[in-house]
Amino acid sequence: MKNISPFNLDQCSLSNELWPDFINKIGLIKANLAVRQSLDLQRMQGSTSTLPVLILETCGTALVNSEAVKTFIGFSYLEQGMVLIFSSKLNSIQLLRDN
């Protein structure tokens, strides 16, 4: 896997509103399904050095280098089951932990 990220994390703002807004827009069941699909991508094609990304505008998924996320957000450790939510429209991100 290449170490290239299509997401310019350093240009994104951190948000706590992406997930609730996403649920309000498409509903809880569909939002949870989108997160599950991101986690499935991580299980199928990811590694310990990747983190799944849910792209809100398209409900698409991607993998991003977890070190880039750790550096930008400031977490020293990212757990399994975490998903980075990304909004290209708002240019913001939110880290979501699946329970």
N, C-alpha and C. Protein backbone atom coordinates (compact mmCIF):
# COMPACT_ATOMS: atom_id res chain seq x y z
N MET A 1 0.84 -1.17 0.00
CA MET A 1 0.00 0.00 0.00
C MET A 1 0.88 1.23 0.00
N LYS A 2 0.53 2.18 -0.84
CA LYS A 2 1.28 3.42 -0.92
C LYS A 2 1.00 4.29 0.30
N ASN A 3 1.95 5.12 0.62
CA ASN A 3 1.83 6.01 1.77
C ASN A 3 1.33 7.39 1.35
N ILE A 4 0.39 7.42 0.42
CA ILE A 4 -0.15 8.67 -0.09
C ILE A 4 -1.57 8.83 0.43
N SER A 5 -1.88 10.02 0.89
CA SER A 5 -3.22 10.28 1.40
C SER A 5 -3.90 11.33 0.53
N PRO A 6 -5.09 11.02 0.00
CA PRO A 6 -5.83 12.02 -0.77
C PRO A 6 -6.47 13.07 0.14
N PHE A 7 -6.37 12.87 1.44
CA PHE A 7 -6.96 13.78 2.41
C PHE A 7 -5.87 14.67 2.97
N ASN A 8 -6.02 15.96 2.83
CA ASN A 8 -5.06 16.91 3.40
C ASN A 8 -5.48 17.19 4.84
N LEU A 9 -5.07 16.31 5.73
CA LEU A 9 -5.50 16.42 7.12
C LEU A 9 -5.08 17.73 7.75
N ASP A 10 -3.92 18.24 7.35
CA ASP A 10 -3.45 19.47 7.96
C ASP A 10 -4.30 20.67 7.56
N GLN A 11 -5.12 20.52 6.53
CA GLN A 11 -6.01 21.60 6.11
C GLN A 11 -7.44 21.41 6.61
N CYS A 12 -7.69 20.30 7.31
CA CYS A 12 -9.03 20.01 7.83
C CYS A 12 -9.19 20.55 9.25
N SER A 13 -10.40 20.88 9.58
CA SER A 13 -10.69 21.26 10.96
C SER A 13 -11.28 20.06 11.67
N LEU A 14 -11.08 20.00 12.97
CA LEU A 14 -11.66 18.94 13.79
C LEU A 14 -13.08 19.32 14.15
N SER A 15 -13.97 18.32 14.14
CA SER A 15 -15.37 18.59 14.41
C SER A 15 -15.94 17.53 15.33
N ASN A 16 -16.93 17.91 16.09
CA ASN A 16 -17.70 16.95 16.89
C ASN A 16 -19.13 16.84 16.36
N GLU A 17 -19.40 17.50 15.25
CA GLU A 17 -20.75 17.56 14.71
C GLU A 17 -20.98 16.71 13.47
N LEU A 18 -19.93 16.16 12.86
CA LEU A 18 -20.11 15.42 11.61
C LEU A 18 -21.00 14.19 11.79
N TRP A 19 -20.73 13.41 12.81
CA TRP A 19 -21.50 12.18 13.03
C TRP A 19 -22.98 12.48 13.33
N PRO A 20 -23.30 13.36 14.28
CA PRO A 20 -24.72 13.65 14.52
C PRO A 20 -25.43 14.23 13.30
N ASP A 21 -24.74 15.07 12.54
CA ASP A 21 -25.34 15.64 11.34
C ASP A 21 -25.58 14.57 10.28
N PHE A 22 -24.65 13.64 10.17
CA PHE A 22 -24.78 12.53 9.22
C PHE A 22 -25.97 11.65 9.58
N ILE A 23 -26.13 11.35 10.86
CA ILE A 23 -27.27 10.55 11.32
C ILE A 23 -28.58 11.28 11.02
N ASN A 24 -28.62 12.58 11.27
CA ASN A 24 -29.84 13.35 10.99
C ASN A 24 -30.16 13.36 9.50
N LYS A 25 -29.14 13.31 8.67
CA LYS A 25 -29.35 13.38 7.23
C LYS A 25 -29.84 12.06 6.64
N ILE A 26 -29.21 10.93 7.03
CA ILE A 26 -29.58 9.66 6.39
C ILE A 26 -30.21 8.64 7.33
N GLY A 27 -30.22 8.91 8.61
CA GLY A 27 -30.81 7.99 9.57
C GLY A 27 -29.76 7.11 10.23
N LEU A 28 -30.09 6.65 11.42
CA LEU A 28 -29.15 5.88 12.24
C LEU A 28 -28.78 4.54 11.60
N ILE A 29 -29.74 3.83 11.05
CA ILE A 29 -29.47 2.51 10.48
C ILE A 29 -28.50 2.62 9.31
N LYS A 30 -28.76 3.54 8.39
CA LYS A 30 -27.87 3.71 7.23
C LYS A 30 -26.51 4.24 7.64
N ALA A 31 -26.47 5.13 8.61
CA ALA A 31 -25.19 5.67 9.08
C ALA A 31 -24.34 4.56 9.70
N ASN A 32 -24.97 3.71 10.51
CA ASN A 32 -24.24 2.59 11.11
C ASN A 32 -23.77 1.60 10.05
N LEU A 33 -24.56 1.39 9.00
CA LEU A 33 -24.16 0.51 7.90
C LEU A 33 -22.93 1.08 7.19
N ALA A 34 -22.90 2.38 6.99
CA ALA A 34 -21.75 3.01 6.35
C ALA A 34 -20.48 2.82 7.18
N VAL A 35 -20.60 2.94 8.50
CA VAL A 35 -19.45 2.72 9.38
C VAL A 35 -19.01 1.25 9.30
N ARG A 36 -19.96 0.33 9.30
CA ARG A 36 -19.63 -1.10 9.19
C ARG A 36 -18.88 -1.39 7.90
N GLN A 37 -19.29 -0.75 6.81
CA GLN A 37 -18.60 -0.97 5.54
C GLN A 37 -17.17 -0.45 5.59
N SER A 38 -16.95 0.67 6.26
CA SER A 38 -15.59 1.19 6.44
C SER A 38 -14.74 0.23 7.25
N LEU A 39 -15.32 -0.30 8.32
CA LEU A 39 -14.59 -1.27 9.15
C LEU A 39 -14.33 -2.57 8.40
N ASP A 40 -15.27 -2.97 7.53
CA ASP A 40 -15.05 -4.16 6.71
C ASP A 40 -13.89 -3.96 5.75
N LEU A 41 -13.80 -2.77 5.16
CA LEU A 41 -12.67 -2.47 4.27
C LEU A 41 -11.36 -2.58 5.03
N GLN A 42 -11.32 -2.07 6.25
CA GLN A 42 -10.11 -2.17 7.07
C GLN A 42 -9.75 -3.63 7.32
N ARG A 43 -10.75 -4.44 7.65
CA ARG A 43 -10.48 -5.86 7.91
C ARG A 43 -10.01 -6.60 6.66
N MET A 44 -10.58 -6.26 5.51
CA MET A 44 -10.25 -6.98 4.28
C MET A 44 -8.95 -6.51 3.63
N GLN A 45 -8.70 -5.20 3.62
CA GLN A 45 -7.56 -4.69 2.85
C GLN A 45 -6.62 -3.82 3.66
N GLY A 46 -6.96 -3.55 4.91
CA GLY A 46 -6.14 -2.68 5.73
C GLY A 46 -5.03 -3.41 6.45
N SER A 47 -4.32 -2.68 7.25
CA SER A 47 -3.24 -3.24 8.07
C SER A 47 -3.19 -2.45 9.37
N THR A 48 -2.20 -2.74 10.19
CA THR A 48 -2.06 -2.02 11.44
C THR A 48 -1.64 -0.57 11.22
N SER A 49 -1.20 -0.25 10.00
CA SER A 49 -0.78 1.12 9.72
C SER A 49 -1.83 1.91 8.95
N THR A 50 -3.06 1.39 8.89
CA THR A 50 -4.12 2.12 8.20
C THR A 50 -5.32 2.33 9.12
N LEU A 51 -6.11 3.30 8.75
CA LEU A 51 -7.34 3.63 9.47
C LEU A 51 -8.43 3.83 8.41
N PRO A 52 -9.61 3.24 8.63
CA PRO A 52 -10.67 3.43 7.65
C PRO A 52 -11.25 4.83 7.71
N VAL A 53 -11.64 5.32 6.54
CA VAL A 53 -12.22 6.65 6.42
C VAL A 53 -13.60 6.51 5.79
N LEU A 54 -14.57 7.18 6.38
CA LEU A 54 -15.92 7.26 5.82
C LEU A 54 -16.07 8.65 5.23
N ILE A 55 -16.30 8.71 3.93
CA ILE A 55 -16.46 9.98 3.24
C ILE A 55 -17.95 10.30 3.21
N LEU A 56 -18.35 11.32 3.93
CA LEU A 56 -19.76 11.58 4.16
C LEU A 56 -20.56 11.90 2.91
N GLU A 57 -20.02 12.68 2.02
CA GLU A 57 -20.79 13.12 0.86
C GLU A 57 -21.17 11.98 -0.07
N THR A 58 -20.35 10.93 -0.11
CA THR A 58 -20.60 9.82 -1.03
C THR A 58 -20.90 8.51 -0.32
N CYS A 59 -20.76 8.48 0.99
CA CYS A 59 -20.80 7.25 1.79
C CYS A 59 -19.73 6.27 1.32
N GLY A 60 -18.69 6.80 0.70
CA GLY A 60 -17.58 5.97 0.25
C GLY A 60 -16.63 5.69 1.40
N THR A 61 -15.76 4.72 1.18
CA THR A 61 -14.77 4.39 2.19
C THR A 61 -13.38 4.39 1.57
N ALA A 62 -12.40 4.61 2.41
CA ALA A 62 -11.01 4.62 1.99
C ALA A 62 -10.16 4.23 3.18
N LEU A 63 -8.90 4.05 2.93
CA LEU A 63 -7.93 3.79 4.00
C LEU A 63 -6.90 4.90 3.98
N VAL A 64 -6.52 5.35 5.15
CA VAL A 64 -5.53 6.40 5.27
C VAL A 64 -4.46 5.93 6.26
N ASN A 65 -3.27 6.45 6.11
CA ASN A 65 -2.17 6.10 6.98
C ASN A 65 -2.48 6.54 8.40
N SER A 66 -2.46 5.62 9.33
CA SER A 66 -2.83 5.94 10.71
C SER A 66 -1.82 6.88 11.37
N GLU A 67 -0.56 6.84 10.94
CA GLU A 67 0.45 7.74 11.52
C GLU A 67 0.12 9.19 11.19
N ALA A 68 -0.40 9.44 9.99
CA ALA A 68 -0.78 10.80 9.61
C ALA A 68 -1.91 11.29 10.50
N VAL A 69 -2.85 10.41 10.79
CA VAL A 69 -3.98 10.78 11.65
C VAL A 69 -3.49 11.01 13.07
N LYS A 70 -2.64 10.14 13.57
CA LYS A 70 -2.10 10.31 14.93
C LYS A 70 -1.37 11.65 15.06
N THR A 71 -0.58 11.98 14.05
CA THR A 71 0.18 13.22 14.07
C THR A 71 -0.74 14.43 14.06
N PHE A 72 -1.74 14.40 13.19
CA PHE A 72 -2.62 15.56 13.07
C PHE A 72 -3.53 15.72 14.27
N ILE A 73 -4.15 14.64 14.72
CA ILE A 73 -5.11 14.73 15.82
C ILE A 73 -4.41 14.80 17.16
N GLY A 74 -3.24 14.20 17.26
CA GLY A 74 -2.49 14.25 18.50
C GLY A 74 -2.68 13.04 19.38
N PHE A 75 -3.35 12.01 18.87
CA PHE A 75 -3.49 10.77 19.63
C PHE A 75 -2.21 9.97 19.50
N SER A 76 -1.81 9.35 20.59
CA SER A 76 -0.63 8.51 20.51
C SER A 76 -1.01 7.08 20.13
N TYR A 77 -2.29 6.75 20.25
CA TYR A 77 -2.72 5.39 19.96
C TYR A 77 -4.12 5.41 19.36
N LEU A 78 -4.29 4.71 18.26
CA LEU A 78 -5.61 4.55 17.64
C LEU A 78 -6.03 3.11 17.80
N GLU A 79 -7.22 2.90 18.29
CA GLU A 79 -7.71 1.55 18.55
C GLU A 79 -8.34 0.92 17.32
N GLN A 80 -8.39 -0.38 17.35
CA GLN A 80 -9.14 -1.10 16.33
C GLN A 80 -10.61 -0.71 16.50
N GLY A 81 -11.33 -0.55 15.40
CA GLY A 81 -12.72 -0.15 15.49
C GLY A 81 -12.95 1.34 15.38
N MET A 82 -11.88 2.10 15.19
CA MET A 82 -12.03 3.54 15.00
C MET A 82 -12.17 3.84 13.51
N VAL A 83 -12.97 4.85 13.22
CA VAL A 83 -13.19 5.29 11.85
C VAL A 83 -13.02 6.80 11.82
N LEU A 84 -12.31 7.28 10.81
CA LEU A 84 -12.18 8.70 10.60
C LEU A 84 -13.30 9.13 9.66
N ILE A 85 -14.12 10.06 10.10
CA ILE A 85 -15.20 10.58 9.28
C ILE A 85 -14.68 11.85 8.62
N PHE A 86 -14.86 11.92 7.30
CA PHE A 86 -14.32 13.03 6.53
C PHE A 86 -15.42 13.70 5.71
N SER A 87 -15.48 15.00 5.77
CA SER A 87 -16.40 15.78 4.95
C SER A 87 -15.58 16.68 4.04
N SER A 88 -15.64 16.40 2.73
CA SER A 88 -14.91 17.25 1.79
C SER A 88 -15.60 18.60 1.63
N LYS A 89 -16.90 18.61 1.77
CA LYS A 89 -17.67 19.85 1.65
C LYS A 89 -17.30 20.83 2.77
N LEU A 90 -17.22 20.32 3.99
CA LEU A 90 -16.90 21.15 5.15
C LEU A 90 -15.40 21.19 5.44
N ASN A 91 -14.65 20.34 4.75
CA ASN A 91 -13.21 20.20 4.96
C ASN A 91 -12.91 19.98 6.44
N SER A 92 -13.62 19.00 7.02
CA SER A 92 -13.43 18.69 8.44
C SER A 92 -13.46 17.19 8.65
N ILE A 93 -12.95 16.79 9.81
CA ILE A 93 -12.87 15.37 10.17
C ILE A 93 -13.34 15.18 11.60
N GLN A 94 -13.75 13.95 11.88
CA GLN A 94 -14.11 13.55 13.24
C GLN A 94 -13.68 12.10 13.40
N LEU A 95 -13.12 11.78 14.53
CA LEU A 95 -12.73 10.42 14.83
C LEU A 95 -13.86 9.76 15.59
N LEU A 96 -14.31 8.62 15.09
CA LEU A 96 -15.43 7.90 15.67
C LEU A 96 -14.94 6.55 16.17
N ARG A 97 -15.35 6.20 17.35
CA ARG A 97 -14.98 4.89 17.91
C ARG A 97 -16.22 4.02 17.93
N ASP A 98 -16.14 2.89 17.23
CA ASP A 98 -17.26 1.96 17.15
C ASP A 98 -17.38 1.20 18.47
N ASN A 99 -18.59 1.09 18.98
CA ASN A 99 -18.80 0.35 20.23
C ASN A 99 -19.53 -0.92 19.97
